[in-house]
Amino acid sequence: MGEPSAEQPWGWQVDGHHLIINYFVLGDQVVMTPLFVGSEPVIAESGKFKGTVIMQREQDQGLALIRSLPAEQQAKAIIETSKDGNNNLGEAFNDNIVLDYAGIAAAELSAAARTRLLDLIAIYVHNMREGHARVRMAEVAAHLDETRGTADDAVFYYRIHSPVILIEFDHQRPVGIRHLVEGRAPIRQHIHAVVRTPNGNDYGKDLLRQHYERDH
């Protein structure tokens, strides 16, 4: 979209079924949201791509974080104890969604748990180049006390939500491999993850607004 430029806004998109990237550029600033990544299956168990794996760090580190919390903090972080459907709220057709904060605030976590939370967020943010990722993570860290998280065990959903970032991870119901599994309950072999920027900055809107106000 537009012409690549050092001064003027431009961007590019990848639009697929299980991969959607929106990348907006204005000078040395970038916005890489909305970002959607998914897969079914997430582990190729046969065929020429046998052994191909996706989204396991996001899954395992999310579960490790919730398990590392004391029991009373786990109880506060877990907003539902059963999962019988799909839970992601910020996917397609939900632009500008307004979500109430839920779960436990990072301000209540121990230093070790806060580090685990930042490490989990960094997995998603570091899909950008290193310099831009450092800037983004500095913004995330500045709002860490306002960040809330939710999670569960087995098949699960978690959400990391602050004024500057929204991350959702969800084990989903089977679709393309329904003939290989029993029932329609969510499975670990179908994952959706989405990263969004709250407060008007999705799709680079806020940078574009600032550009128009300053330069036009």
N, C-alpha and C. Protein backbone atom coordinates (compact mmCIF):
# COMPACT_ATOMS: atom_id res chain seq x y z
N MET A 1 0.87 -1.18 0.00
CA MET A 1 0.00 0.00 0.00
C MET A 1 0.90 1.22 0.00
N GLY A 2 0.77 2.07 -1.01
CA GLY A 2 1.63 3.22 -1.14
C GLY A 2 3.00 2.83 -1.65
N GLU A 3 3.87 3.81 -1.74
CA GLU A 3 5.23 3.57 -2.22
C GLU A 3 6.18 3.55 -1.03
N PRO A 4 7.07 2.55 -0.95
CA PRO A 4 8.07 2.55 0.12
C PRO A 4 8.81 3.88 0.18
N SER A 5 8.89 4.47 1.37
CA SER A 5 9.40 5.82 1.51
C SER A 5 10.02 5.99 2.88
N ALA A 6 11.04 6.86 2.96
CA ALA A 6 11.65 7.18 4.24
C ALA A 6 10.84 8.20 5.02
N GLU A 7 9.95 8.93 4.34
CA GLU A 7 9.19 10.00 5.00
C GLU A 7 7.69 9.79 5.00
N GLN A 8 7.13 9.22 3.92
CA GLN A 8 5.69 9.10 3.78
C GLN A 8 5.21 7.73 4.27
N PRO A 9 3.95 7.66 4.72
CA PRO A 9 3.43 6.39 5.22
C PRO A 9 3.22 5.38 4.10
N TRP A 10 3.51 4.13 4.41
CA TRP A 10 3.25 3.03 3.48
C TRP A 10 3.14 1.74 4.30
N GLY A 11 2.78 0.67 3.65
CA GLY A 11 2.65 -0.57 4.40
C GLY A 11 2.51 -1.77 3.49
N TRP A 12 2.49 -2.92 4.09
CA TRP A 12 2.25 -4.15 3.33
C TRP A 12 1.41 -5.10 4.18
N GLN A 13 0.78 -6.03 3.49
CA GLN A 13 -0.08 -7.00 4.16
C GLN A 13 0.19 -8.40 3.61
N VAL A 14 0.06 -9.37 4.47
CA VAL A 14 -0.07 -10.77 4.06
C VAL A 14 -1.45 -11.21 4.53
N ASP A 15 -2.26 -11.69 3.62
CA ASP A 15 -3.62 -12.10 3.95
C ASP A 15 -3.81 -13.56 3.57
N GLY A 16 -3.91 -14.42 4.56
CA GLY A 16 -4.15 -15.84 4.31
C GLY A 16 -5.17 -16.37 5.28
N HIS A 17 -5.32 -17.68 5.31
CA HIS A 17 -6.29 -18.28 6.22
C HIS A 17 -5.73 -18.35 7.63
N HIS A 18 -4.52 -18.87 7.77
CA HIS A 18 -3.90 -18.99 9.09
C HIS A 18 -2.69 -18.09 9.25
N LEU A 19 -2.57 -17.08 8.41
CA LEU A 19 -1.53 -16.07 8.59
C LEU A 19 -2.02 -14.74 8.04
N ILE A 20 -2.12 -13.75 8.91
CA ILE A 20 -2.50 -12.40 8.49
C ILE A 20 -1.55 -11.42 9.18
N ILE A 21 -0.85 -10.63 8.39
CA ILE A 21 0.08 -9.63 8.92
C ILE A 21 -0.28 -8.28 8.33
N ASN A 22 -0.43 -7.30 9.17
CA ASN A 22 -0.59 -5.91 8.75
C ASN A 22 0.62 -5.14 9.26
N TYR A 23 1.38 -4.54 8.35
CA TYR A 23 2.63 -3.88 8.71
C TYR A 23 2.61 -2.47 8.16
N PHE A 24 2.61 -1.49 9.05
CA PHE A 24 2.54 -0.08 8.68
C PHE A 24 3.86 0.59 9.00
N VAL A 25 4.35 1.41 8.09
CA VAL A 25 5.65 2.05 8.25
C VAL A 25 5.50 3.55 8.08
N LEU A 26 6.08 4.30 9.01
CA LEU A 26 6.17 5.75 8.89
C LEU A 26 7.53 6.17 9.41
N GLY A 27 8.46 6.48 8.51
CA GLY A 27 9.82 6.80 8.92
C GLY A 27 10.45 5.61 9.60
N ASP A 28 10.93 5.81 10.82
CA ASP A 28 11.56 4.71 11.55
C ASP A 28 10.58 4.06 12.54
N GLN A 29 9.29 4.37 12.43
CA GLN A 29 8.29 3.79 13.30
C GLN A 29 7.47 2.74 12.54
N VAL A 30 7.13 1.66 13.20
CA VAL A 30 6.32 0.62 12.56
C VAL A 30 5.23 0.17 13.52
N VAL A 31 4.13 -0.32 12.95
CA VAL A 31 3.08 -0.99 13.72
C VAL A 31 2.82 -2.31 13.01
N MET A 32 2.95 -3.42 13.74
CA MET A 32 2.76 -4.75 13.15
C MET A 32 1.53 -5.41 13.78
N THR A 33 0.39 -4.72 13.66
CA THR A 33 -0.88 -5.29 14.10
C THR A 33 -1.97 -4.80 13.16
N PRO A 34 -3.04 -5.53 13.04
CA PRO A 34 -3.30 -6.83 13.64
C PRO A 34 -2.40 -7.92 13.06
N LEU A 35 -2.01 -8.85 13.91
CA LEU A 35 -1.23 -10.02 13.53
C LEU A 35 -2.01 -11.25 13.95
N PHE A 36 -2.23 -12.16 13.01
CA PHE A 36 -2.94 -13.40 13.33
C PHE A 36 -2.12 -14.57 12.82
N VAL A 37 -1.92 -15.56 13.68
CA VAL A 37 -1.20 -16.77 13.32
C VAL A 37 -2.00 -17.96 13.84
N GLY A 38 -2.14 -18.98 13.01
CA GLY A 38 -2.83 -20.18 13.45
C GLY A 38 -2.34 -21.39 12.68
N SER A 39 -2.80 -22.53 13.09
CA SER A 39 -2.46 -23.76 12.37
C SER A 39 -3.38 -24.88 12.82
N GLU A 40 -3.65 -25.77 11.88
CA GLU A 40 -4.34 -27.04 12.17
C GLU A 40 -3.90 -28.05 11.12
N PRO A 41 -3.12 -29.06 11.51
CA PRO A 41 -2.59 -29.33 12.85
C PRO A 41 -1.41 -28.41 13.16
N VAL A 42 -0.98 -28.45 14.41
CA VAL A 42 0.19 -27.66 14.80
C VAL A 42 1.45 -28.52 14.82
N ILE A 43 1.28 -29.83 14.79
CA ILE A 43 2.40 -30.76 14.69
C ILE A 43 2.10 -31.73 13.55
N ALA A 44 2.96 -31.73 12.54
CA ALA A 44 2.79 -32.66 11.42
C ALA A 44 3.34 -34.02 11.84
N GLU A 45 2.47 -35.01 11.89
CA GLU A 45 2.86 -36.31 12.41
C GLU A 45 3.19 -37.31 11.32
N SER A 46 2.98 -36.96 10.05
CA SER A 46 3.30 -37.87 8.96
C SER A 46 3.51 -37.05 7.70
N GLY A 47 3.88 -37.72 6.62
CA GLY A 47 4.06 -37.05 5.34
C GLY A 47 5.41 -36.38 5.23
N LYS A 48 5.60 -35.67 4.11
CA LYS A 48 6.92 -35.10 3.85
C LYS A 48 7.28 -33.96 4.80
N PHE A 49 6.26 -33.38 5.49
CA PHE A 49 6.53 -32.32 6.46
C PHE A 49 6.49 -32.84 7.90
N LYS A 50 6.61 -34.16 8.07
CA LYS A 50 6.59 -34.75 9.40
C LYS A 50 7.62 -34.07 10.30
N GLY A 51 7.18 -33.72 11.50
CA GLY A 51 8.07 -33.07 12.44
C GLY A 51 7.97 -31.56 12.46
N THR A 52 7.29 -30.96 11.47
CA THR A 52 7.08 -29.52 11.47
C THR A 52 6.18 -29.15 12.65
N VAL A 53 6.58 -28.12 13.40
CA VAL A 53 5.88 -27.75 14.63
C VAL A 53 5.71 -26.23 14.65
N ILE A 54 4.56 -25.77 15.16
CA ILE A 54 4.30 -24.34 15.27
C ILE A 54 3.61 -24.05 16.59
N MET A 55 3.87 -22.87 17.15
CA MET A 55 3.15 -22.30 18.29
C MET A 55 3.34 -23.06 19.61
N GLN A 56 4.42 -23.84 19.72
CA GLN A 56 4.61 -24.57 20.97
C GLN A 56 5.23 -23.72 22.07
N ARG A 57 6.12 -22.79 21.72
CA ARG A 57 6.67 -21.91 22.76
C ARG A 57 5.58 -21.04 23.35
N GLU A 58 4.72 -20.49 22.48
CA GLU A 58 3.62 -19.66 22.96
C GLU A 58 2.70 -20.46 23.88
N GLN A 59 2.47 -21.72 23.52
CA GLN A 59 1.62 -22.58 24.34
C GLN A 59 2.29 -22.93 25.66
N ASP A 60 3.51 -23.45 25.58
CA ASP A 60 4.16 -24.00 26.77
C ASP A 60 4.54 -22.92 27.76
N GLN A 61 5.02 -21.77 27.28
CA GLN A 61 5.40 -20.70 28.21
C GLN A 61 4.18 -20.05 28.85
N GLY A 62 3.06 -20.01 28.13
CA GLY A 62 1.83 -19.51 28.74
C GLY A 62 1.38 -20.41 29.87
N LEU A 63 1.44 -21.72 29.66
CA LEU A 63 1.04 -22.67 30.69
C LEU A 63 2.02 -22.65 31.86
N ALA A 64 3.31 -22.52 31.55
CA ALA A 64 4.31 -22.48 32.61
C ALA A 64 4.12 -21.26 33.50
N LEU A 65 3.72 -20.14 32.90
CA LEU A 65 3.51 -18.93 33.69
C LEU A 65 2.38 -19.12 34.69
N ILE A 66 1.25 -19.65 34.25
CA ILE A 66 0.12 -19.80 35.17
C ILE A 66 0.45 -20.82 36.26
N ARG A 67 1.20 -21.87 35.90
CA ARG A 67 1.56 -22.90 36.89
C ARG A 67 2.57 -22.39 37.90
N SER A 68 3.31 -21.35 37.55
CA SER A 68 4.32 -20.81 38.45
C SER A 68 3.72 -19.93 39.55
N LEU A 69 2.46 -19.54 39.40
CA LEU A 69 1.85 -18.63 40.36
C LEU A 69 1.39 -19.37 41.60
N PRO A 70 1.42 -18.72 42.76
CA PRO A 70 0.82 -19.31 43.96
C PRO A 70 -0.66 -19.58 43.75
N ALA A 71 -1.21 -20.49 44.53
CA ALA A 71 -2.59 -20.93 44.33
C ALA A 71 -3.57 -19.78 44.36
N GLU A 72 -3.39 -18.83 45.28
CA GLU A 72 -4.35 -17.73 45.37
C GLU A 72 -4.27 -16.81 44.14
N GLN A 73 -3.08 -16.66 43.57
CA GLN A 73 -2.96 -15.86 42.36
C GLN A 73 -3.48 -16.61 41.14
N GLN A 74 -3.29 -17.94 41.11
CA GLN A 74 -3.88 -18.74 40.03
C GLN A 74 -5.39 -18.57 40.02
N ALA A 75 -5.99 -18.64 41.20
CA ALA A 75 -7.44 -18.51 41.29
C ALA A 75 -7.91 -17.17 40.75
N LYS A 76 -7.13 -16.14 40.95
CA LYS A 76 -7.49 -14.81 40.46
C LYS A 76 -7.26 -14.69 38.96
N ALA A 77 -6.22 -15.36 38.46
CA ALA A 77 -5.86 -15.26 37.05
C ALA A 77 -6.80 -16.06 36.15
N ILE A 78 -7.32 -17.17 36.66
CA ILE A 78 -8.16 -18.04 35.84
C ILE A 78 -9.61 -17.56 35.90
N ILE A 79 -10.13 -17.11 34.75
CA ILE A 79 -11.49 -16.56 34.76
C ILE A 79 -12.54 -17.61 34.42
N GLU A 80 -12.13 -18.74 33.83
CA GLU A 80 -13.04 -19.85 33.58
C GLU A 80 -12.28 -21.15 33.81
N THR A 81 -12.95 -22.14 34.36
CA THR A 81 -12.30 -23.41 34.65
C THR A 81 -12.69 -24.51 33.67
N SER A 82 -13.54 -24.20 32.71
CA SER A 82 -13.90 -25.17 31.67
C SER A 82 -13.75 -24.50 30.31
N LYS A 83 -13.47 -25.32 29.30
CA LYS A 83 -13.31 -24.80 27.94
C LYS A 83 -13.99 -25.76 26.98
N ASP A 84 -15.11 -25.31 26.41
CA ASP A 84 -15.84 -26.17 25.48
C ASP A 84 -16.02 -25.55 24.11
N GLY A 85 -15.36 -24.39 23.89
CA GLY A 85 -15.50 -23.73 22.60
C GLY A 85 -14.30 -22.85 22.30
N ASN A 86 -14.45 -22.00 21.30
CA ASN A 86 -13.40 -21.06 20.92
C ASN A 86 -13.56 -19.77 21.72
N ASN A 87 -12.46 -19.20 22.17
CA ASN A 87 -12.53 -18.07 23.09
C ASN A 87 -11.95 -16.76 22.57
N ASN A 88 -11.14 -16.78 21.52
CA ASN A 88 -10.53 -15.54 21.06
C ASN A 88 -11.59 -14.49 20.75
N LEU A 89 -11.36 -13.27 21.19
CA LEU A 89 -12.32 -12.19 21.03
C LEU A 89 -11.88 -11.15 20.01
N GLY A 90 -10.59 -11.08 19.71
CA GLY A 90 -10.08 -10.02 18.86
C GLY A 90 -9.75 -10.45 17.45
N GLU A 91 -10.39 -11.53 16.99
CA GLU A 91 -10.10 -12.02 15.65
C GLU A 91 -10.90 -11.23 14.60
N ALA A 92 -11.08 -11.85 13.43
CA ALA A 92 -11.72 -11.18 12.29
C ALA A 92 -13.08 -10.61 12.67
N PHE A 93 -13.39 -9.45 12.07
CA PHE A 93 -14.67 -8.75 12.24
C PHE A 93 -14.82 -8.14 13.63
N ASN A 94 -13.73 -8.06 14.38
CA ASN A 94 -13.79 -7.48 15.72
C ASN A 94 -12.81 -6.32 15.88
N ASP A 95 -12.67 -5.51 14.82
CA ASP A 95 -11.84 -4.32 14.93
C ASP A 95 -12.44 -3.38 15.99
N ASN A 96 -11.55 -2.71 16.69
CA ASN A 96 -11.96 -1.71 17.69
C ASN A 96 -12.76 -2.32 18.84
N ILE A 97 -12.53 -3.61 19.08
CA ILE A 97 -13.23 -4.25 20.19
C ILE A 97 -12.81 -3.60 21.50
N VAL A 98 -13.78 -3.41 22.39
CA VAL A 98 -13.52 -2.84 23.70
C VAL A 98 -13.67 -3.97 24.72
N LEU A 99 -12.57 -4.31 25.40
CA LEU A 99 -12.58 -5.41 26.36
C LEU A 99 -12.33 -4.87 27.76
N ASP A 100 -13.11 -5.37 28.70
CA ASP A 100 -12.82 -5.09 30.10
C ASP A 100 -11.58 -5.88 30.50
N TYR A 101 -10.78 -5.33 31.40
CA TYR A 101 -9.64 -6.08 31.92
C TYR A 101 -10.16 -7.20 32.81
N ALA A 102 -9.46 -8.33 32.75
CA ALA A 102 -9.85 -9.49 33.55
C ALA A 102 -8.60 -10.21 34.01
N GLY A 103 -8.74 -11.04 35.04
CA GLY A 103 -7.61 -11.81 35.52
C GLY A 103 -6.81 -11.05 36.55
N ILE A 104 -5.53 -11.35 36.62
CA ILE A 104 -4.67 -10.77 37.64
C ILE A 104 -3.76 -9.70 37.03
N ALA A 105 -3.56 -8.62 37.75
CA ALA A 105 -2.70 -7.54 37.28
C ALA A 105 -1.24 -7.91 37.51
N ALA A 106 -0.39 -7.56 36.56
CA ALA A 106 1.03 -7.87 36.69
C ALA A 106 1.65 -7.17 37.89
N ALA A 107 1.05 -6.07 38.33
CA ALA A 107 1.55 -5.37 39.51
C ALA A 107 1.54 -6.26 40.75
N GLU A 108 0.69 -7.29 40.75
CA GLU A 108 0.58 -8.18 41.90
C GLU A 108 1.55 -9.35 41.83
N LEU A 109 2.24 -9.52 40.72
CA LEU A 109 3.09 -10.69 40.53
C LEU A 109 4.47 -10.48 41.14
N SER A 110 5.12 -11.59 41.42
CA SER A 110 6.50 -11.54 41.88
C SER A 110 7.41 -11.09 40.75
N ALA A 111 8.64 -10.73 41.09
CA ALA A 111 9.59 -10.30 40.07
C ALA A 111 9.84 -11.42 39.06
N ALA A 112 9.92 -12.66 39.54
CA ALA A 112 10.15 -13.80 38.63
C ALA A 112 8.98 -13.99 37.68
N ALA A 113 7.76 -13.86 38.19
CA ALA A 113 6.58 -14.03 37.34
C ALA A 113 6.47 -12.89 36.34
N ARG A 114 6.82 -11.68 36.74
CA ARG A 114 6.79 -10.55 35.82
C ARG A 114 7.78 -10.78 34.68
N THR A 115 8.95 -11.35 35.01
CA THR A 115 9.93 -11.66 33.97
C THR A 115 9.38 -12.71 33.01
N ARG A 116 8.73 -13.74 33.55
CA ARG A 116 8.12 -14.76 32.69
C ARG A 116 7.06 -14.16 31.78
N LEU A 117 6.28 -13.22 32.31
CA LEU A 117 5.25 -12.57 31.51
C LEU A 117 5.89 -11.77 30.37
N LEU A 118 6.92 -11.00 30.68
CA LEU A 118 7.60 -10.25 29.63
C LEU A 118 8.23 -11.17 28.59
N ASP A 119 8.79 -12.29 29.04
CA ASP A 119 9.37 -13.25 28.10
C ASP A 119 8.31 -13.83 27.17
N LEU A 120 7.11 -14.06 27.70
CA LEU A 120 6.02 -14.59 26.88
C LEU A 120 5.58 -13.55 25.85
N ILE A 121 5.41 -12.30 26.28
CA ILE A 121 5.04 -11.24 25.35
C ILE A 121 6.09 -11.08 24.27
N ALA A 122 7.37 -11.21 24.66
CA ALA A 122 8.46 -11.02 23.71
C ALA A 122 8.42 -12.04 22.57
N ILE A 123 7.91 -13.23 22.81
CA ILE A 123 7.80 -14.21 21.73
C ILE A 123 6.97 -13.64 20.58
N TYR A 124 5.91 -12.95 20.92
CA TYR A 124 5.03 -12.36 19.90
C TYR A 124 5.65 -11.10 19.31
N VAL A 125 6.18 -10.23 20.15
CA VAL A 125 6.69 -8.95 19.69
C VAL A 125 7.92 -9.13 18.81
N HIS A 126 8.74 -10.13 19.09
CA HIS A 126 9.98 -10.30 18.35
C HIS A 126 9.78 -10.92 16.97
N ASN A 127 8.56 -10.97 16.50
CA ASN A 127 8.34 -11.24 15.07
C ASN A 127 8.79 -10.04 14.24
N MET A 128 8.93 -8.87 14.87
CA MET A 128 9.47 -7.70 14.20
C MET A 128 11.00 -7.75 14.25
N ARG A 129 11.65 -6.90 13.45
CA ARG A 129 13.09 -6.79 13.50
C ARG A 129 13.53 -6.32 14.88
N GLU A 130 14.77 -6.64 15.25
CA GLU A 130 15.24 -6.48 16.61
C GLU A 130 15.08 -5.05 17.13
N GLY A 131 15.47 -4.06 16.33
CA GLY A 131 15.38 -2.68 16.80
C GLY A 131 13.97 -2.25 17.09
N HIS A 132 13.05 -2.58 16.20
CA HIS A 132 11.64 -2.23 16.41
C HIS A 132 11.07 -3.02 17.59
N ALA A 133 11.50 -4.27 17.74
CA ALA A 133 11.01 -5.09 18.85
C ALA A 133 11.45 -4.50 20.19
N ARG A 134 12.68 -3.99 20.26
CA ARG A 134 13.14 -3.38 21.51
C ARG A 134 12.29 -2.17 21.88
N VAL A 135 11.96 -1.36 20.88
CA VAL A 135 11.11 -0.19 21.14
C VAL A 135 9.74 -0.64 21.64
N ARG A 136 9.18 -1.65 20.99
CA ARG A 136 7.85 -2.15 21.37
C ARG A 136 7.87 -2.74 22.77
N MET A 137 8.90 -3.52 23.10
CA MET A 137 8.98 -4.12 24.42
C MET A 137 9.18 -3.08 25.50
N ALA A 138 9.88 -1.99 25.19
CA ALA A 138 10.02 -0.91 26.16
C ALA A 138 8.67 -0.29 26.46
N GLU A 139 7.83 -0.16 25.44
CA GLU A 139 6.48 0.35 25.63
C GLU A 139 5.66 -0.61 26.49
N VAL A 140 5.78 -1.91 26.19
CA VAL A 140 5.07 -2.91 26.98
C VAL A 140 5.52 -2.87 28.43
N ALA A 141 6.83 -2.81 28.67
CA ALA A 141 7.36 -2.80 30.03
C ALA A 141 6.88 -1.56 30.80
N ALA A 142 6.75 -0.44 30.10
CA ALA A 142 6.30 0.78 30.77
C ALA A 142 4.88 0.66 31.28
N HIS A 143 4.09 -0.22 30.68
CA HIS A 143 2.69 -0.42 31.10
C HIS A 143 2.50 -1.76 31.80
N LEU A 144 3.59 -2.36 32.28
CA LEU A 144 3.48 -3.71 32.83
C LEU A 144 2.55 -3.78 34.03
N ASP A 145 2.59 -2.78 34.92
CA ASP A 145 1.74 -2.82 36.10
C ASP A 145 0.26 -2.83 35.73
N GLU A 146 -0.07 -2.30 34.54
CA GLU A 146 -1.47 -2.25 34.09
C GLU A 146 -1.87 -3.46 33.28
N THR A 147 -0.93 -4.39 33.11
CA THR A 147 -1.17 -5.57 32.26
C THR A 147 -1.85 -6.65 33.06
N ARG A 148 -2.86 -7.26 32.44
CA ARG A 148 -3.57 -8.35 33.09
C ARG A 148 -3.51 -9.59 32.22
N GLY A 149 -3.54 -10.77 32.89
CA GLY A 149 -3.46 -12.02 32.16
C GLY A 149 -4.44 -13.05 32.67
N THR A 150 -4.86 -13.94 31.78
CA THR A 150 -5.74 -15.04 32.15
C THR A 150 -5.25 -16.30 31.46
N ALA A 151 -5.51 -17.47 32.07
CA ALA A 151 -5.06 -18.72 31.47
C ALA A 151 -5.79 -19.90 32.10
N ASP A 152 -5.54 -21.11 31.59
CA ASP A 152 -6.11 -22.33 32.16
C ASP A 152 -5.20 -23.49 31.78
N ASP A 153 -5.58 -24.74 32.18
CA ASP A 153 -4.75 -25.93 31.98
C ASP A 153 -5.28 -26.75 30.81
N ALA A 154 -4.53 -27.84 30.45
CA ALA A 154 -4.90 -28.77 29.37
C ALA A 154 -5.10 -27.98 28.07
N VAL A 155 -6.28 -28.11 27.42
CA VAL A 155 -6.57 -27.14 26.36
C VAL A 155 -6.96 -25.86 27.07
N PHE A 156 -6.49 -24.73 26.55
CA PHE A 156 -6.71 -23.50 27.30
C PHE A 156 -6.70 -22.29 26.38
N TYR A 157 -7.08 -21.20 26.98
CA TYR A 157 -7.06 -19.88 26.35
C TYR A 157 -6.37 -18.94 27.32
N TYR A 158 -5.51 -18.06 26.78
CA TYR A 158 -5.01 -16.99 27.64
C TYR A 158 -5.04 -15.67 26.90
N ARG A 159 -5.15 -14.61 27.69
CA ARG A 159 -5.18 -13.25 27.16
C ARG A 159 -4.24 -12.38 27.98
N ILE A 160 -3.41 -11.63 27.29
CA ILE A 160 -2.53 -10.64 27.92
C ILE A 160 -2.98 -9.28 27.40
N HIS A 161 -3.34 -8.40 28.30
CA HIS A 161 -4.06 -7.19 27.90
C HIS A 161 -3.55 -6.00 28.70
N SER A 162 -3.10 -4.96 28.00
CA SER A 162 -2.68 -3.72 28.63
C SER A 162 -3.11 -2.57 27.74
N PRO A 163 -2.85 -1.33 28.14
CA PRO A 163 -3.22 -0.21 27.27
C PRO A 163 -2.50 -0.20 25.93
N VAL A 164 -1.39 -0.98 25.80
CA VAL A 164 -0.60 -0.90 24.57
C VAL A 164 -0.51 -2.20 23.80
N ILE A 165 -1.00 -3.32 24.36
CA ILE A 165 -0.93 -4.58 23.64
C ILE A 165 -2.06 -5.51 24.08
N LEU A 166 -2.56 -6.28 23.12
CA LEU A 166 -3.55 -7.32 23.39
C LEU A 166 -3.08 -8.58 22.68
N ILE A 167 -2.83 -9.63 23.44
CA ILE A 167 -2.42 -10.92 22.89
C ILE A 167 -3.43 -11.96 23.33
N GLU A 168 -3.90 -12.78 22.39
CA GLU A 168 -4.78 -13.89 22.72
C GLU A 168 -4.21 -15.17 22.12
N PHE A 169 -4.28 -16.25 22.89
CA PHE A 169 -3.86 -17.58 22.46
C PHE A 169 -5.01 -18.52 22.77
N ASP A 170 -5.38 -19.35 21.80
CA ASP A 170 -6.59 -20.16 21.98
C ASP A 170 -6.44 -21.53 21.33
N HIS A 171 -6.67 -22.59 22.11
CA HIS A 171 -6.87 -23.92 21.53
C HIS A 171 -8.31 -23.98 21.01
N GLN A 172 -8.46 -24.30 19.73
CA GLN A 172 -9.76 -24.20 19.08
C GLN A 172 -10.37 -25.57 18.76
N ARG A 173 -11.64 -25.54 18.44
CA ARG A 173 -12.33 -26.76 18.00
C ARG A 173 -11.73 -27.26 16.69
N PRO A 174 -11.74 -28.56 16.45
CA PRO A 174 -11.22 -29.08 15.18
C PRO A 174 -12.10 -28.67 14.01
N VAL A 175 -11.46 -28.44 12.88
CA VAL A 175 -12.18 -28.10 11.66
C VAL A 175 -11.74 -29.04 10.54
N GLY A 176 -10.49 -28.89 10.08
CA GLY A 176 -10.00 -29.69 8.97
C GLY A 176 -9.65 -31.11 9.33
N ILE A 177 -9.50 -31.39 10.64
CA ILE A 177 -9.13 -32.75 11.05
C ILE A 177 -10.22 -33.37 11.93
N ARG A 178 -11.46 -32.94 11.72
CA ARG A 178 -12.55 -33.47 12.52
C ARG A 178 -12.69 -34.98 12.38
N HIS A 179 -12.32 -35.49 11.18
CA HIS A 179 -12.45 -36.94 10.95
C HIS A 179 -11.41 -37.74 11.72
N LEU A 180 -10.43 -37.08 12.30
CA LEU A 180 -9.36 -37.77 13.02
C LEU A 180 -9.52 -37.71 14.53
N VAL A 181 -10.49 -36.94 15.02
CA VAL A 181 -10.66 -36.78 16.46
C VAL A 181 -12.11 -37.05 16.84
N GLU A 182 -12.31 -37.30 18.11
CA GLU A 182 -13.66 -37.55 18.61
C GLU A 182 -14.27 -36.25 19.13
N GLY A 183 -15.50 -35.99 18.72
CA GLY A 183 -16.22 -34.84 19.27
C GLY A 183 -15.78 -33.53 18.66
N ARG A 184 -16.32 -32.44 19.22
CA ARG A 184 -16.04 -31.09 18.73
C ARG A 184 -15.39 -30.23 19.78
N ALA A 185 -14.88 -30.82 20.84
CA ALA A 185 -14.23 -30.04 21.89
C ALA A 185 -12.91 -29.48 21.38
N PRO A 186 -12.44 -28.36 21.93
CA PRO A 186 -11.15 -27.80 21.52
C PRO A 186 -10.01 -28.81 21.68
N ILE A 187 -9.02 -28.70 20.80
CA ILE A 187 -7.88 -29.62 20.82
C ILE A 187 -6.58 -28.82 20.72
N ARG A 188 -5.48 -29.44 21.12
CA ARG A 188 -4.18 -28.78 21.03
C ARG A 188 -3.65 -28.74 19.60
N GLN A 189 -4.29 -29.45 18.70
CA GLN A 189 -3.83 -29.48 17.31
C GLN A 189 -4.47 -28.39 16.45
N HIS A 190 -5.22 -27.49 17.05
CA HIS A 190 -5.76 -26.34 16.33
C HIS A 190 -5.58 -25.11 17.21
N ILE A 191 -4.68 -24.23 16.80
CA ILE A 191 -4.34 -23.06 17.59
C ILE A 191 -4.58 -21.79 16.79
N HIS A 192 -5.14 -20.78 17.44
CA HIS A 192 -5.24 -19.43 16.91
C HIS A 192 -4.56 -18.48 17.90
N ALA A 193 -3.78 -17.54 17.38
CA ALA A 193 -3.18 -16.49 18.22
C ALA A 193 -3.31 -15.17 17.49
N VAL A 194 -3.61 -14.13 18.24
CA VAL A 194 -3.80 -12.81 17.65
C VAL A 194 -3.09 -11.77 18.51
N VAL A 195 -2.48 -10.79 17.84
CA VAL A 195 -1.85 -9.66 18.53
C VAL A 195 -2.46 -8.38 17.98
N ARG A 196 -2.94 -7.53 18.87
CA ARG A 196 -3.53 -6.26 18.45
C ARG A 196 -2.98 -5.13 19.31
N THR A 197 -3.15 -3.90 18.82
CA THR A 197 -2.73 -2.71 19.55
C THR A 197 -3.97 -1.92 19.93
N PRO A 198 -4.31 -1.88 21.22
CA PRO A 198 -5.51 -1.14 21.63
C PRO A 198 -5.36 0.36 21.44
N ASN A 199 -6.42 1.06 21.73
CA ASN A 199 -6.41 2.53 21.80
C ASN A 199 -6.09 3.19 20.46
N GLY A 200 -6.64 2.64 19.38
CA GLY A 200 -6.59 3.32 18.11
C GLY A 200 -5.33 3.14 17.31
N ASN A 201 -4.39 2.32 17.76
CA ASN A 201 -3.13 2.19 17.04
C ASN A 201 -3.08 0.98 16.12
N ASP A 202 -4.13 0.16 16.10
CA ASP A 202 -4.19 -0.94 15.14
C ASP A 202 -4.10 -0.41 13.71
N TYR A 203 -3.48 -1.15 12.86
CA TYR A 203 -3.28 -0.78 11.45
C TYR A 203 -2.45 0.51 11.31
N GLY A 204 -1.75 0.92 12.37
CA GLY A 204 -0.97 2.15 12.29
C GLY A 204 -1.79 3.42 12.31
N LYS A 205 -3.04 3.32 12.77
CA LYS A 205 -3.94 4.49 12.71
C LYS A 205 -3.39 5.68 13.49
N ASP A 206 -2.82 5.44 14.66
CA ASP A 206 -2.39 6.56 15.47
C ASP A 206 -1.19 7.26 14.84
N LEU A 207 -0.25 6.50 14.30
CA LEU A 207 0.89 7.11 13.63
C LEU A 207 0.44 7.91 12.42
N LEU A 208 -0.52 7.37 11.68
CA LEU A 208 -1.03 8.07 10.50
C LEU A 208 -1.73 9.36 10.90
N ARG A 209 -2.51 9.32 11.98
CA ARG A 209 -3.18 10.53 12.47
C ARG A 209 -2.15 11.59 12.86
N GLN A 210 -1.10 11.17 13.58
CA GLN A 210 -0.07 12.10 13.98
C GLN A 210 0.62 12.71 12.74
N HIS A 211 0.86 11.88 11.73
CA HIS A 211 1.49 12.36 10.51
C HIS A 211 0.64 13.42 9.82
N TYR A 212 -0.66 13.17 9.71
CA TYR A 212 -1.54 14.14 9.06
C TYR A 212 -1.61 15.44 9.84
N GLU A 213 -1.67 15.33 11.19
CA GLU A 213 -1.75 16.54 12.00
C GLU A 213 -0.46 17.38 11.91
N ARG A 214 0.67 16.68 11.79
CA ARG A 214 1.95 17.38 11.80
C ARG A 214 2.33 17.91 10.40
N ASP A 215 2.07 17.10 9.37
CA ASP A 215 2.60 17.39 8.03
C ASP A 215 1.55 17.87 7.04
N HIS A 216 0.28 17.89 7.42
CA HIS A 216 -0.77 18.29 6.48
C HIS A 216 -1.70 19.31 7.13
